[in-house]
């Protein structure tokens, strides 16, 4: 998880902010539920989505951005 956060923040800084581009949405894609880490990522401005048996679930931001079918609260 630490590497994903660092990579997303680095990309945002060097490829967007430093070049004067609009700030992008940051999103992590996972193959299974990440539990409490979804709230951790949200606290850093990073949305997250993960595969479920019914489709895609995700954090509040991911649902708001139309990237996930439903918000699945952390367990």
Protein backbone atom coordinates (compact mmCIF):
# COMPACT_ATOMS: atom_id res chain seq x y z
CA UNK A 1 0.00 0.00 0.00
CA UNK A 2 2.83 2.37 0.86
CA UNK A 3 4.33 2.06 -2.61
CA UNK A 4 0.98 2.75 -4.30
CA UNK A 5 0.43 5.94 -2.27
CA UNK A 6 3.96 7.15 -2.99
CA UNK A 7 3.67 6.42 -6.69
CA UNK A 8 0.35 8.22 -7.08
CA UNK A 9 1.54 11.30 -5.17
CA UNK A 10 4.78 11.37 -7.17
CA UNK A 11 2.97 11.14 -10.52
CA UNK A 12 0.58 13.89 -9.50
CA UNK A 13 3.45 16.17 -8.50
CA UNK A 14 5.79 15.62 -11.45
CA UNK A 15 3.34 14.97 -14.29
CA UNK A 16 0.57 17.39 -13.36
CA UNK A 17 1.26 20.00 -10.68
CA UNK A 18 4.82 20.81 -11.71
CA UNK A 19 3.72 21.19 -15.36
CA UNK A 20 0.79 23.45 -14.48
CA UNK A 21 -1.82 20.89 -15.48
CA UNK A 22 -5.11 20.49 -13.62
CA UNK A 23 -4.88 18.23 -10.57
CA UNK A 24 -6.04 14.71 -11.51
CA UNK A 25 -8.23 12.35 -9.53
CA UNK A 26 -6.04 9.73 -7.88
CA UNK A 27 -7.36 6.18 -7.94
CA UNK A 28 -6.04 2.82 -6.76
CA UNK A 29 -7.34 -0.37 -8.41
CA UNK A 30 -7.31 -3.59 -6.38
CA UNK A 31 -8.29 -7.21 -7.05
CA UNK A 32 -10.05 -7.60 -3.67
CA UNK A 33 -11.46 -5.48 -0.85
CA UNK A 34 -8.85 -3.41 0.96
CA UNK A 35 -10.91 -2.92 4.12
CA UNK A 36 -9.82 -0.01 6.32
CA UNK A 37 -7.20 1.04 3.77
CA UNK A 38 -10.01 2.57 1.67
CA UNK A 39 -10.54 5.21 4.38
CA UNK A 40 -6.78 5.69 4.70
CA UNK A 41 -6.48 6.37 0.96
CA UNK A 42 -9.50 8.70 1.05
CA UNK A 43 -7.78 10.72 3.81
CA UNK A 44 -4.95 11.33 1.32
CA UNK A 45 -7.28 12.26 -1.54
CA UNK A 46 -7.00 8.87 -3.24
CA UNK A 47 -10.08 6.93 -4.28
CA UNK A 48 -10.03 3.15 -4.55
CA UNK A 49 -11.97 0.43 -6.35
CA UNK A 50 -11.88 -3.33 -6.05
CA UNK A 51 -13.48 -6.32 -7.71
CA UNK A 52 -16.43 -8.06 -6.06
CA UNK A 53 -18.49 -11.04 -7.16
CA UNK A 54 -21.15 -8.56 -8.36
CA UNK A 55 -18.91 -6.03 -10.15
CA UNK A 56 -16.93 -3.19 -8.67
CA UNK A 57 -17.15 -1.65 -5.20
CA UNK A 58 -15.14 1.28 -3.99
CA UNK A 59 -14.55 4.20 -1.72
CA UNK A 60 -16.87 7.20 -1.55
CA UNK A 61 -14.77 9.19 -4.04
CA UNK A 62 -14.67 6.33 -6.55
CA UNK A 63 -18.45 6.02 -6.45
CA UNK A 64 -18.82 9.81 -6.81
CA UNK A 65 -16.50 9.75 -9.86
CA UNK A 66 -18.60 6.95 -11.42
CA UNK A 67 -15.80 4.38 -11.18
CA UNK A 68 -17.53 1.92 -8.82
CA UNK A 69 -21.03 0.48 -8.61
CA UNK A 70 -21.38 0.81 -4.84
CA UNK A 71 -19.64 2.11 -1.76
CA UNK A 72 -18.57 -0.69 0.52
CA UNK A 73 -17.73 0.64 3.99
CA UNK A 74 -14.51 -0.53 5.62
CA UNK A 75 -14.82 -3.62 7.80
